[in-house]
């Protein structure tokens, strides 16, 4: 009799889930942080736009 009464396949699937979830959380946090920084920079660029043309040539 196996401990807990589960099959070897179920035990392996459960172990894979335990390993998969923390790794996914780490990647999800990094992905969300990148998206947040990207949108924050886009928002700053939109706020700094004055609508006036920029003079490129020196007078």
C-alpha atoms as a PDB file:
ATOM      1  CA  UNK A   1       0.000   0.000   0.000  1.00  0.00           C
ATOM      2  CA  UNK A   2       1.304   3.445  -0.941  1.00  0.00           C
ATOM      3  CA  UNK A   3       1.381   6.308   1.556  1.00  0.00           C
ATOM      4  CA  UNK A   4      -1.788   8.358   1.321  1.00  0.00           C
ATOM      5  CA  UNK A   5      -3.424   5.741  -0.889  1.00  0.00           C
ATOM      6  CA  UNK A   6      -2.561   7.493  -4.171  1.00  0.00           C
ATOM      7  CA  UNK A   7      -1.036   5.962  -7.277  1.00  0.00           C
ATOM      8  CA  UNK A   8       2.495   6.634  -8.486  1.00  0.00           C
ATOM      9  CA  UNK A   9       1.127   8.620 -11.450  1.00  0.00           C
ATOM     10  CA  UNK A  10      -1.013  10.815  -9.200  1.00  0.00           C
ATOM     11  CA  UNK A  11       1.973  11.379  -6.926  1.00  0.00           C
ATOM     12  CA  UNK A  12       4.104  12.485  -9.890  1.00  0.00           C
ATOM     13  CA  UNK A  13       1.376  14.785 -11.196  1.00  0.00           C
ATOM     14  CA  UNK A  14       0.953  16.353  -7.769  1.00  0.00           C
ATOM     15  CA  UNK A  15       4.722  16.861  -7.476  1.00  0.00           C
ATOM     16  CA  UNK A  16       4.852  18.468 -10.917  1.00  0.00           C
ATOM     17  CA  UNK A  17       2.110  20.876  -9.897  1.00  0.00           C
ATOM     18  CA  UNK A  18       4.004  21.799  -6.750  1.00  0.00           C
ATOM     19  CA  UNK A  19       7.097  22.606  -8.836  1.00  0.00           C
ATOM     20  CA  UNK A  20       5.195  24.339 -11.673  1.00  0.00           C
ATOM     21  CA  UNK A  21       3.155  26.819  -9.609  1.00  0.00           C
ATOM     22  CA  UNK A  22       6.040  28.688  -7.885  1.00  0.00           C
ATOM     23  CA  UNK A  23       7.918  29.002 -11.176  1.00  0.00           C
ATOM     24  CA  UNK A  24       4.835  30.397 -12.887  1.00  0.00           C
ATOM     25  CA  UNK A  25       4.300  32.900 -10.092  1.00  0.00           C
ATOM     26  CA  UNK A  26       7.844  34.199 -10.510  1.00  0.00           C
ATOM     27  CA  UNK A  27       7.456  34.678 -14.267  1.00  0.00           C
ATOM     28  CA  UNK A  28       4.019  36.237 -13.784  1.00  0.00           C
ATOM     29  CA  UNK A  29       5.374  38.827 -11.333  1.00  0.00           C
ATOM     30  CA  UNK A  30       8.189  39.770 -13.716  1.00  0.00           C
ATOM     31  CA  UNK A  31       5.755  39.958 -16.663  1.00  0.00           C
ATOM     32  CA  UNK A  32       3.320  42.166 -14.740  1.00  0.00           C
ATOM     33  CA  UNK A  33       6.166  44.445 -13.592  1.00  0.00           C
ATOM     34  CA  UNK A  34       7.391  44.857 -17.184  1.00  0.00           C
ATOM     35  CA  UNK A  35       3.898  45.688 -18.430  1.00  0.00           C
ATOM     36  CA  UNK A  36       3.424  48.173 -15.561  1.00  0.00           C
ATOM     37  CA  UNK A  37       6.709  49.943 -16.336  1.00  0.00           C
ATOM     38  CA  UNK A  38       5.891  50.027 -20.034  1.00  0.00           C
ATOM     39  CA  UNK A  39       2.481  51.638 -19.477  1.00  0.00           C
ATOM     40  CA  UNK A  40       3.898  54.031 -16.887  1.00  0.00           C
ATOM     41  CA  UNK A  41       6.471  55.261 -19.415  1.00  0.00           C
ATOM     42  CA  UNK A  42       3.776  55.585 -22.103  1.00  0.00           C
ATOM     43  CA  UNK A  43       1.647  57.626 -19.696  1.00  0.00           C
ATOM     44  CA  UNK A  44       4.552  59.932 -18.860  1.00  0.00           C
ATOM     45  CA  UNK A  45       5.289  60.440 -22.547  1.00  0.00           C
ATOM     46  CA  UNK A  46       1.648  61.309 -23.200  1.00  0.00           C
ATOM     47  CA  UNK A  47       1.569  63.780 -20.296  1.00  0.00           C
ATOM     48  CA  UNK A  48       4.739  65.530 -21.422  1.00  0.00           C
ATOM     49  CA  UNK A  49       3.413  66.074 -24.960  1.00  0.00           C
ATOM     50  CA  UNK A  50       2.569  69.760 -25.352  1.00  0.00           C
ATOM     51  CA  UNK A  51       1.291  69.712 -28.898  1.00  0.00           C
ATOM     52  CA  UNK A  52       3.831  72.288 -30.064  1.00  0.00           C
ATOM     53  CA  UNK A  53       6.409  71.383 -32.709  1.00  0.00           C
ATOM     54  CA  UNK A  54       9.946  70.916 -31.491  1.00  0.00           C
ATOM     55  CA  UNK A  55      12.538  73.208 -33.059  1.00  0.00           C
ATOM     56  CA  UNK A  56      15.362  71.064 -34.352  1.00  0.00           C
ATOM     57  CA  UNK A  57      17.479  73.716 -36.067  1.00  0.00           C
ATOM     58  CA  UNK A  58      19.533  76.139 -34.014  1.00  0.00           C
ATOM     59  CA  UNK A  59      18.838  79.809 -34.705  1.00  0.00           C
END
